[in-house]
Amino acid sequence: MRYLVGFVLLLALVASPLGVSAQTAGEVSASEPAPEEPALQLKLDAAGVEVTPSPSRTEDGYTLEEMEVRVKRAKIGLWSTAGATVVGTGMAFAAFGAAWSCALAWSPSCSSPPGWVAPVGWTGMVLMVGGISGMIACGILKRRRRRDRDRLRRRVQWDPARSRVVF
């Protein structure tokens, strides 16, 4: 068990960033929404000049494609935390079962629980509580992002081919 803890700590050190730096005002990270664009854009091609509307954006400044990616990431977060909850629950119940069988003396050779019961039980409990907390947080994020994406899809738009409003 101590080798597993050492391995997890080693992975945490490898995954941590090697340096930290401040961001200047001119730098923009990839997670921030793009600056506002004009409502119409002029595009020049071989046929001539074409006026195209810019893509619709949410209140936060994300386009429909960006919202699709954000919804997908929230789904991944929800499923990964659900997996952590299942693994943690299994570990906790396995440790609880081993301790319970020794406490009830179902096994004649067991006078005290094995040494692995307490660490596995506590690790399972931590995984279970963390997974449940993560599922709640990711579920809220997924619901909000899907709502924003669906609002963006349902906006009223003008269809120039049919010369009418499209919902």
N, C-alpha and C. Protein backbone atom coordinates (compact mmCIF):
# COMPACT_ATOMS: atom_id res chain seq x y z
N MET A 1 0.82 -1.19 0.00
CA MET A 1 0.00 0.00 0.00
C MET A 1 0.87 1.26 0.00
N ARG A 2 2.00 1.23 0.71
CA ARG A 2 2.83 2.43 0.75
C ARG A 2 3.47 2.70 -0.61
N TYR A 3 3.67 1.64 -1.42
CA TYR A 3 4.19 1.86 -2.76
C TYR A 3 3.17 2.56 -3.64
N LEU A 4 1.90 2.24 -3.43
CA LEU A 4 0.84 2.91 -4.18
C LEU A 4 0.78 4.39 -3.83
N VAL A 5 0.89 4.73 -2.55
CA VAL A 5 0.87 6.13 -2.13
C VAL A 5 2.09 6.85 -2.71
N GLY A 6 3.25 6.23 -2.67
CA GLY A 6 4.44 6.84 -3.25
C GLY A 6 4.30 7.04 -4.75
N PHE A 7 3.69 6.07 -5.44
CA PHE A 7 3.48 6.20 -6.88
C PHE A 7 2.53 7.35 -7.20
N VAL A 8 1.48 7.50 -6.43
CA VAL A 8 0.52 8.59 -6.65
C VAL A 8 1.20 9.94 -6.40
N LEU A 9 2.01 10.04 -5.36
CA LEU A 9 2.74 11.28 -5.10
C LEU A 9 3.72 11.59 -6.22
N LEU A 10 4.38 10.58 -6.76
CA LEU A 10 5.30 10.77 -7.88
C LEU A 10 4.54 11.27 -9.11
N LEU A 11 3.39 10.70 -9.39
CA LEU A 11 2.58 11.17 -10.52
C LEU A 11 2.14 12.61 -10.32
N ALA A 12 1.78 12.99 -9.10
CA ALA A 12 1.37 14.36 -8.82
C ALA A 12 2.52 15.33 -9.06
N LEU A 13 3.74 14.94 -8.69
CA LEU A 13 4.89 15.81 -8.92
C LEU A 13 5.21 15.95 -10.41
N VAL A 14 5.08 14.87 -11.15
CA VAL A 14 5.36 14.91 -12.58
C VAL A 14 4.32 15.76 -13.31
N ALA A 15 3.08 15.69 -12.88
CA ALA A 15 2.01 16.42 -13.56
C ALA A 15 1.96 17.89 -13.17
N SER A 16 2.61 18.31 -12.09
CA SER A 16 2.54 19.69 -11.65
C SER A 16 3.37 20.58 -12.58
N PRO A 17 2.97 21.85 -12.71
CA PRO A 17 3.73 22.76 -13.59
C PRO A 17 5.10 23.07 -13.00
N LEU A 18 6.06 23.29 -13.88
CA LEU A 18 7.42 23.54 -13.43
C LEU A 18 7.65 25.01 -13.09
N GLY A 19 6.83 25.90 -13.58
CA GLY A 19 7.01 27.31 -13.30
C GLY A 19 5.69 28.05 -13.38
N VAL A 20 5.69 29.23 -12.80
CA VAL A 20 4.50 30.06 -12.80
C VAL A 20 4.92 31.44 -13.26
N SER A 21 4.12 32.04 -14.13
CA SER A 21 4.43 33.39 -14.58
C SER A 21 3.14 34.19 -14.66
N ALA A 22 3.28 35.50 -14.55
CA ALA A 22 2.12 36.39 -14.62
C ALA A 22 1.76 36.62 -16.07
N GLN A 23 0.51 36.92 -16.30
CA GLN A 23 0.03 37.17 -17.65
C GLN A 23 -0.08 38.67 -17.86
N THR A 24 0.49 39.15 -18.96
CA THR A 24 0.40 40.57 -19.25
C THR A 24 -0.97 40.90 -19.81
N ALA A 25 -1.26 42.18 -19.90
CA ALA A 25 -2.58 42.60 -20.37
C ALA A 25 -2.80 42.23 -21.83
N GLY A 26 -1.73 42.12 -22.61
CA GLY A 26 -1.88 41.82 -24.03
C GLY A 26 -2.11 40.34 -24.31
N GLU A 27 -1.77 39.47 -23.37
CA GLU A 27 -1.94 38.05 -23.58
C GLU A 27 -3.36 37.64 -23.28
N VAL A 28 -3.88 36.74 -24.09
CA VAL A 28 -5.22 36.21 -23.88
C VAL A 28 -5.12 34.71 -23.87
N SER A 29 -5.64 34.06 -22.84
CA SER A 29 -5.57 32.60 -22.77
C SER A 29 -6.64 31.98 -23.65
N ALA A 30 -6.48 30.70 -23.92
CA ALA A 30 -7.42 29.99 -24.80
C ALA A 30 -8.77 29.79 -24.14
N SER A 31 -8.83 29.83 -22.82
CA SER A 31 -10.10 29.59 -22.13
C SER A 31 -10.99 30.83 -22.10
N GLU A 32 -10.42 32.00 -22.33
CA GLU A 32 -11.22 33.21 -22.32
C GLU A 32 -11.95 33.35 -23.64
N PRO A 33 -13.17 33.93 -23.63
CA PRO A 33 -13.90 34.11 -24.88
C PRO A 33 -13.21 35.14 -25.77
N ALA A 34 -13.40 34.97 -27.05
CA ALA A 34 -12.81 35.88 -28.02
C ALA A 34 -13.47 37.25 -27.91
N PRO A 35 -12.76 38.31 -28.32
CA PRO A 35 -13.38 39.63 -28.27
C PRO A 35 -14.56 39.71 -29.23
N GLU A 36 -15.44 40.66 -28.96
CA GLU A 36 -16.64 40.77 -29.79
C GLU A 36 -16.27 41.11 -31.23
N GLU A 37 -16.99 40.52 -32.15
CA GLU A 37 -16.79 40.77 -33.56
C GLU A 37 -17.97 41.58 -34.07
N PRO A 38 -17.80 42.23 -35.21
CA PRO A 38 -18.93 42.99 -35.76
C PRO A 38 -20.06 42.05 -36.18
N ALA A 39 -21.27 42.57 -36.24
CA ALA A 39 -22.43 41.75 -36.58
C ALA A 39 -22.35 41.22 -38.01
N LEU A 40 -21.80 41.99 -38.92
CA LEU A 40 -21.63 41.55 -40.30
C LEU A 40 -20.17 41.63 -40.69
N GLN A 41 -19.73 40.68 -41.52
CA GLN A 41 -18.36 40.66 -41.98
C GLN A 41 -18.36 40.63 -43.50
N LEU A 42 -17.41 41.32 -44.09
CA LEU A 42 -17.26 41.31 -45.54
C LEU A 42 -16.19 40.28 -45.90
N LYS A 43 -16.54 39.40 -46.83
CA LYS A 43 -15.59 38.40 -47.30
C LYS A 43 -15.42 38.57 -48.81
N LEU A 44 -14.18 38.52 -49.25
CA LEU A 44 -13.87 38.70 -50.65
C LEU A 44 -13.39 37.38 -51.23
N ASP A 45 -14.05 36.93 -52.29
CA ASP A 45 -13.62 35.73 -52.98
C ASP A 45 -13.65 36.00 -54.47
N ALA A 46 -13.47 34.98 -55.30
CA ALA A 46 -13.40 35.16 -56.75
C ALA A 46 -14.71 35.68 -57.33
N ALA A 47 -15.84 35.34 -56.72
CA ALA A 47 -17.14 35.78 -57.23
C ALA A 47 -17.43 37.23 -56.87
N GLY A 48 -16.80 37.76 -55.87
CA GLY A 48 -17.03 39.14 -55.47
C GLY A 48 -17.10 39.27 -53.95
N VAL A 49 -17.70 40.35 -53.52
CA VAL A 49 -17.81 40.63 -52.10
C VAL A 49 -19.09 39.98 -51.57
N GLU A 50 -18.97 39.35 -50.43
CA GLU A 50 -20.11 38.67 -49.82
C GLU A 50 -20.25 39.14 -48.38
N VAL A 51 -21.48 39.44 -47.97
CA VAL A 51 -21.74 39.85 -46.60
C VAL A 51 -22.26 38.64 -45.84
N THR A 52 -21.56 38.28 -44.77
CA THR A 52 -21.98 37.14 -43.96
C THR A 52 -22.11 37.58 -42.51
N PRO A 53 -23.14 37.10 -41.84
CA PRO A 53 -23.26 37.44 -40.42
C PRO A 53 -22.23 36.66 -39.60
N SER A 54 -21.75 37.30 -38.55
CA SER A 54 -20.81 36.60 -37.67
C SER A 54 -21.59 35.58 -36.86
N PRO A 55 -20.92 34.54 -36.36
CA PRO A 55 -21.64 33.51 -35.60
C PRO A 55 -22.24 34.10 -34.32
N SER A 56 -23.39 33.57 -33.93
CA SER A 56 -24.04 34.02 -32.71
C SER A 56 -23.19 33.64 -31.51
N ARG A 57 -23.28 34.46 -30.47
CA ARG A 57 -22.50 34.22 -29.26
C ARG A 57 -23.41 34.26 -28.04
N THR A 58 -22.97 33.57 -26.99
CA THR A 58 -23.70 33.60 -25.73
C THR A 58 -23.37 34.89 -24.99
N GLU A 59 -23.97 35.05 -23.81
CA GLU A 59 -23.67 36.23 -23.01
C GLU A 59 -22.21 36.27 -22.58
N ASP A 60 -21.60 35.08 -22.45
CA ASP A 60 -20.19 35.00 -22.05
C ASP A 60 -19.25 35.19 -23.23
N GLY A 61 -19.77 35.20 -24.46
CA GLY A 61 -18.94 35.41 -25.64
C GLY A 61 -18.53 34.15 -26.36
N TYR A 62 -19.17 33.02 -26.09
CA TYR A 62 -18.80 31.76 -26.75
C TYR A 62 -19.68 31.51 -27.96
N THR A 63 -19.09 30.92 -29.02
CA THR A 63 -19.85 30.55 -30.20
C THR A 63 -20.49 29.18 -29.97
N LEU A 64 -21.32 28.76 -30.94
CA LEU A 64 -22.00 27.47 -30.82
C LEU A 64 -21.00 26.32 -30.80
N GLU A 65 -19.95 26.39 -31.61
CA GLU A 65 -18.94 25.33 -31.62
C GLU A 65 -18.21 25.25 -30.29
N GLU A 66 -17.89 26.40 -29.72
CA GLU A 66 -17.22 26.41 -28.42
C GLU A 66 -18.14 25.85 -27.33
N MET A 67 -19.42 26.14 -27.43
CA MET A 67 -20.37 25.62 -26.45
C MET A 67 -20.50 24.10 -26.56
N GLU A 68 -20.44 23.57 -27.79
CA GLU A 68 -20.48 22.12 -27.96
C GLU A 68 -19.29 21.46 -27.26
N VAL A 69 -18.10 22.06 -27.38
CA VAL A 69 -16.91 21.52 -26.73
C VAL A 69 -17.06 21.60 -25.21
N ARG A 70 -17.61 22.71 -24.71
CA ARG A 70 -17.78 22.87 -23.27
C ARG A 70 -18.78 21.86 -22.71
N VAL A 71 -19.84 21.57 -23.45
CA VAL A 71 -20.81 20.57 -23.00
C VAL A 71 -20.16 19.19 -22.99
N LYS A 72 -19.36 18.90 -24.01
CA LYS A 72 -18.67 17.60 -24.08
C LYS A 72 -17.71 17.44 -22.90
N ARG A 73 -17.00 18.49 -22.55
CA ARG A 73 -16.07 18.42 -21.42
C ARG A 73 -16.81 18.22 -20.10
N ALA A 74 -17.97 18.85 -19.97
CA ALA A 74 -18.76 18.65 -18.74
C ALA A 74 -19.25 17.21 -18.64
N LYS A 75 -19.61 16.61 -19.78
CA LYS A 75 -20.03 15.20 -19.78
C LYS A 75 -18.86 14.30 -19.36
N ILE A 76 -17.67 14.58 -19.88
CA ILE A 76 -16.50 13.79 -19.51
C ILE A 76 -16.23 13.91 -18.02
N GLY A 77 -16.34 15.11 -17.48
CA GLY A 77 -16.15 15.31 -16.05
C GLY A 77 -17.18 14.55 -15.23
N LEU A 78 -18.42 14.55 -15.70
CA LEU A 78 -19.48 13.86 -14.98
C LEU A 78 -19.23 12.35 -14.96
N TRP A 79 -18.86 11.78 -16.09
CA TRP A 79 -18.63 10.34 -16.15
C TRP A 79 -17.37 9.93 -15.38
N SER A 80 -16.33 10.75 -15.41
CA SER A 80 -15.11 10.38 -14.68
C SER A 80 -15.33 10.44 -13.17
N THR A 81 -16.09 11.42 -12.69
CA THR A 81 -16.38 11.46 -11.26
C THR A 81 -17.34 10.36 -10.86
N ALA A 82 -18.22 9.95 -11.77
CA ALA A 82 -19.09 8.81 -11.47
C ALA A 82 -18.25 7.53 -11.34
N GLY A 83 -17.23 7.40 -12.17
CA GLY A 83 -16.33 6.26 -12.06
C GLY A 83 -15.57 6.26 -10.75
N ALA A 84 -15.11 7.43 -10.31
CA ALA A 84 -14.42 7.52 -9.03
C ALA A 84 -15.35 7.15 -7.88
N THR A 85 -16.62 7.54 -8.00
CA THR A 85 -17.59 7.19 -6.97
C THR A 85 -17.80 5.68 -6.91
N VAL A 86 -17.92 5.04 -8.04
CA VAL A 86 -18.13 3.59 -8.08
C VAL A 86 -16.91 2.86 -7.51
N VAL A 87 -15.71 3.26 -7.90
CA VAL A 87 -14.50 2.61 -7.40
C VAL A 87 -14.37 2.83 -5.89
N GLY A 88 -14.61 4.04 -5.43
CA GLY A 88 -14.53 4.32 -4.00
C GLY A 88 -15.55 3.54 -3.19
N THR A 89 -16.76 3.42 -3.73
CA THR A 89 -17.79 2.65 -3.04
C THR A 89 -17.40 1.18 -2.94
N GLY A 90 -16.86 0.65 -4.01
CA GLY A 90 -16.41 -0.75 -4.00
C GLY A 90 -15.30 -0.98 -3.00
N MET A 91 -14.34 -0.06 -2.95
CA MET A 91 -13.25 -0.20 -1.99
C MET A 91 -13.75 -0.11 -0.55
N ALA A 92 -14.65 0.83 -0.29
CA ALA A 92 -15.16 1.01 1.07
C ALA A 92 -15.96 -0.21 1.50
N PHE A 93 -16.80 -0.75 0.61
CA PHE A 93 -17.59 -1.93 0.97
C PHE A 93 -16.72 -3.17 1.14
N ALA A 94 -15.65 -3.30 0.35
CA ALA A 94 -14.75 -4.44 0.52
C ALA A 94 -14.05 -4.38 1.87
N ALA A 95 -13.59 -3.20 2.24
CA ALA A 95 -12.93 -3.06 3.55
C ALA A 95 -13.93 -3.25 4.68
N PHE A 96 -15.13 -2.71 4.51
CA PHE A 96 -16.15 -2.86 5.54
C PHE A 96 -16.54 -4.33 5.70
N GLY A 97 -16.65 -5.05 4.59
CA GLY A 97 -17.00 -6.47 4.65
C GLY A 97 -15.93 -7.30 5.33
N ALA A 98 -14.65 -6.99 5.05
CA ALA A 98 -13.56 -7.73 5.70
C ALA A 98 -13.54 -7.45 7.20
N ALA A 99 -13.74 -6.20 7.58
CA ALA A 99 -13.74 -5.86 9.00
C ALA A 99 -14.96 -6.46 9.70
N TRP A 100 -16.09 -6.47 9.03
CA TRP A 100 -17.33 -7.00 9.61
C TRP A 100 -17.24 -8.51 9.82
N SER A 101 -16.65 -9.20 8.84
CA SER A 101 -16.54 -10.65 8.99
C SER A 101 -15.60 -11.02 10.14
N CYS A 102 -14.55 -10.23 10.36
CA CYS A 102 -13.67 -10.49 11.50
C CYS A 102 -14.37 -10.12 12.81
N ALA A 103 -15.16 -9.08 12.78
CA ALA A 103 -15.85 -8.66 14.01
C ALA A 103 -16.88 -9.69 14.43
N LEU A 104 -17.53 -10.32 13.47
CA LEU A 104 -18.53 -11.33 13.79
C LEU A 104 -17.93 -12.72 13.95
N ALA A 105 -16.64 -12.82 13.74
CA ALA A 105 -15.89 -14.07 13.88
C ALA A 105 -16.42 -15.16 12.96
N TRP A 106 -16.75 -14.77 11.72
CA TRP A 106 -17.14 -15.78 10.74
C TRP A 106 -15.94 -16.60 10.32
N SER A 107 -14.79 -15.96 10.37
CA SER A 107 -13.56 -16.66 10.02
C SER A 107 -12.84 -17.01 11.33
N PRO A 108 -12.63 -18.29 11.61
CA PRO A 108 -12.02 -18.66 12.89
C PRO A 108 -10.58 -18.18 13.03
N SER A 109 -9.86 -17.99 11.95
CA SER A 109 -8.46 -17.57 12.04
C SER A 109 -8.31 -16.06 12.17
N CYS A 110 -9.40 -15.34 12.13
CA CYS A 110 -9.33 -13.87 12.13
C CYS A 110 -9.66 -13.33 13.52
N SER A 111 -8.64 -12.94 14.25
CA SER A 111 -8.89 -12.34 15.56
C SER A 111 -8.97 -10.82 15.45
N SER A 112 -8.27 -10.23 14.49
CA SER A 112 -8.36 -8.79 14.23
C SER A 112 -8.35 -8.58 12.72
N PRO A 113 -8.92 -7.48 12.25
CA PRO A 113 -8.97 -7.25 10.79
C PRO A 113 -7.56 -7.16 10.20
N PRO A 114 -7.41 -7.55 8.94
CA PRO A 114 -6.10 -7.44 8.30
C PRO A 114 -5.63 -5.99 8.25
N GLY A 115 -4.35 -5.80 8.03
CA GLY A 115 -3.78 -4.46 8.02
C GLY A 115 -4.21 -3.60 6.85
N TRP A 116 -4.71 -4.19 5.80
CA TRP A 116 -5.10 -3.42 4.63
C TRP A 116 -6.49 -2.81 4.78
N VAL A 117 -7.27 -3.23 5.75
CA VAL A 117 -8.67 -2.81 5.85
C VAL A 117 -8.81 -1.31 6.08
N ALA A 118 -8.09 -0.76 7.04
CA ALA A 118 -8.23 0.67 7.36
C ALA A 118 -7.77 1.57 6.21
N PRO A 119 -6.59 1.38 5.62
CA PRO A 119 -6.20 2.27 4.52
C PRO A 119 -7.13 2.17 3.31
N VAL A 120 -7.51 0.95 2.96
CA VAL A 120 -8.40 0.79 1.81
C VAL A 120 -9.77 1.38 2.10
N GLY A 121 -10.26 1.20 3.32
CA GLY A 121 -11.56 1.76 3.69
C GLY A 121 -11.56 3.27 3.65
N TRP A 122 -10.52 3.90 4.22
CA TRP A 122 -10.46 5.37 4.20
C TRP A 122 -10.26 5.91 2.78
N THR A 123 -9.43 5.24 2.00
CA THR A 123 -9.23 5.67 0.62
C THR A 123 -10.54 5.57 -0.17
N GLY A 124 -11.27 4.48 0.04
CA GLY A 124 -12.56 4.33 -0.62
C GLY A 124 -13.55 5.40 -0.21
N MET A 125 -13.56 5.74 1.07
CA MET A 125 -14.47 6.79 1.53
C MET A 125 -14.13 8.15 0.92
N VAL A 126 -12.82 8.44 0.85
CA VAL A 126 -12.40 9.71 0.26
C VAL A 126 -12.77 9.76 -1.22
N LEU A 127 -12.52 8.67 -1.94
CA LEU A 127 -12.90 8.62 -3.36
C LEU A 127 -14.40 8.76 -3.54
N MET A 128 -15.16 8.11 -2.67
CA MET A 128 -16.61 8.15 -2.79
C MET A 128 -17.14 9.57 -2.53
N VAL A 129 -16.68 10.21 -1.48
CA VAL A 129 -17.15 11.57 -1.16
C VAL A 129 -16.67 12.56 -2.23
N GLY A 130 -15.42 12.44 -2.66
CA GLY A 130 -14.92 13.32 -3.72
C GLY A 130 -15.65 13.11 -5.03
N GLY A 131 -15.96 11.86 -5.36
CA GLY A 131 -16.69 11.57 -6.59
C GLY A 131 -18.10 12.12 -6.55
N ILE A 132 -18.77 11.99 -5.41
CA ILE A 132 -20.12 12.54 -5.29
C ILE A 132 -20.10 14.06 -5.41
N SER A 133 -19.12 14.69 -4.77
CA SER A 133 -19.00 16.15 -4.87
C SER A 133 -18.72 16.57 -6.31
N GLY A 134 -17.84 15.85 -6.97
CA GLY A 134 -17.54 16.16 -8.37
C GLY A 134 -18.73 15.93 -9.28
N MET A 135 -19.52 14.88 -9.00
CA MET A 135 -20.71 14.64 -9.82
C MET A 135 -21.71 15.78 -9.66
N ILE A 136 -21.87 16.29 -8.46
CA ILE A 136 -22.79 17.40 -8.25
C ILE A 136 -22.30 18.64 -9.01
N ALA A 137 -21.01 18.96 -8.87
CA ALA A 137 -20.46 20.14 -9.55
C ALA A 137 -20.52 20.01 -11.06
N CYS A 138 -20.13 18.85 -11.59
CA CYS A 138 -20.14 18.66 -13.05
C CYS A 138 -21.56 18.59 -13.60
N GLY A 139 -22.49 18.06 -12.81
CA GLY A 139 -23.89 18.03 -13.24
C GLY A 139 -24.45 19.43 -13.37
N ILE A 140 -24.12 20.29 -12.42
CA ILE A 140 -24.57 21.69 -12.50
C ILE A 140 -23.96 22.38 -13.71
N LEU A 141 -22.64 22.18 -13.93
CA LEU A 141 -21.99 22.77 -15.10
C LEU A 141 -22.59 22.27 -16.40
N LYS A 142 -22.86 20.97 -16.48
CA LYS A 142 -23.42 20.40 -17.71
C LYS A 142 -24.80 20.98 -17.98
N ARG A 143 -25.62 21.09 -16.94
CA ARG A 143 -26.97 21.63 -17.12
C ARG A 143 -26.91 23.08 -17.61
N ARG A 144 -26.05 23.89 -17.02
CA ARG A 144 -25.96 25.30 -17.43
C ARG A 144 -25.41 25.43 -18.84
N ARG A 145 -24.39 24.65 -19.16
CA ARG A 145 -23.80 24.75 -20.50
C ARG A 145 -24.76 24.25 -21.58
N ARG A 146 -25.50 23.19 -21.28
CA ARG A 146 -26.49 22.72 -22.25
C ARG A 146 -27.59 23.75 -22.44
N ARG A 147 -28.02 24.40 -21.36
CA ARG A 147 -29.04 25.43 -21.45
C ARG A 147 -28.56 26.58 -22.33
N ASP A 148 -27.31 27.04 -22.11
CA ASP A 148 -26.76 28.12 -22.93
C ASP A 148 -26.63 27.70 -24.39
N ARG A 149 -26.19 26.46 -24.62
CA ARG A 149 -26.06 25.97 -25.99
C ARG A 149 -27.41 25.89 -26.68
N ASP A 150 -28.43 25.40 -25.98
CA ASP A 150 -29.75 25.28 -26.58
C ASP A 150 -30.38 26.65 -26.84
N ARG A 151 -30.12 27.61 -25.97
CA ARG A 151 -30.61 28.98 -26.23
C ARG A 151 -29.96 29.54 -27.48
N LEU A 152 -28.67 29.26 -27.65
CA LEU A 152 -27.95 29.75 -28.82
C LEU A 152 -28.48 29.11 -30.10
N ARG A 153 -28.86 27.84 -30.03
CA ARG A 153 -29.42 27.15 -31.19
C ARG A 153 -30.80 27.68 -31.57
N ARG A 154 -31.59 28.07 -30.57
CA ARG A 154 -32.98 28.45 -30.83
C ARG A 154 -33.18 29.92 -31.12
N ARG A 155 -32.11 30.67 -31.29
CA ARG A 155 -32.27 32.09 -31.56
C ARG A 155 -32.97 32.31 -32.89
N VAL A 156 -33.71 33.39 -32.96
CA VAL A 156 -34.41 33.76 -34.19
C VAL A 156 -33.36 34.29 -35.17
N GLN A 157 -33.40 33.78 -36.41
CA GLN A 157 -32.43 34.18 -37.42
C GLN A 157 -33.15 34.49 -38.72
N TRP A 158 -32.54 35.36 -39.50
CA TRP A 158 -33.08 35.72 -40.80
C TRP A 158 -32.46 34.81 -41.85
N ASP A 159 -33.31 34.15 -42.64
CA ASP A 159 -32.85 33.27 -43.69
C ASP A 159 -32.91 34.03 -45.00
N PRO A 160 -31.76 34.41 -45.57
CA PRO A 160 -31.78 35.20 -46.81
C PRO A 160 -32.28 34.40 -48.01
N ALA A 161 -32.14 33.07 -48.01
CA ALA A 161 -32.59 32.27 -49.14
C ALA A 161 -34.11 32.28 -49.25
N ARG A 162 -34.80 32.23 -48.10
CA ARG A 162 -36.27 32.21 -48.10
C ARG A 162 -36.88 33.59 -47.84
N SER A 163 -36.05 34.54 -47.46
CA SER A 163 -36.48 35.90 -47.11
C SER A 163 -37.54 35.87 -46.02
N ARG A 164 -37.24 35.15 -44.97
CA ARG A 164 -38.16 35.11 -43.82
C ARG A 164 -37.37 34.78 -42.55
N VAL A 165 -38.07 34.93 -41.43
CA VAL A 165 -37.49 34.66 -40.13
C VAL A 165 -37.54 33.17 -39.86
N VAL A 166 -36.44 32.60 -39.40
CA VAL A 166 -36.35 31.18 -39.11
C VAL A 166 -36.09 31.04 -37.62
N PHE A 167 -36.79 30.11 -36.99
CA PHE A 167 -36.62 29.88 -35.55
C PHE A 167 -35.73 28.69 -35.32
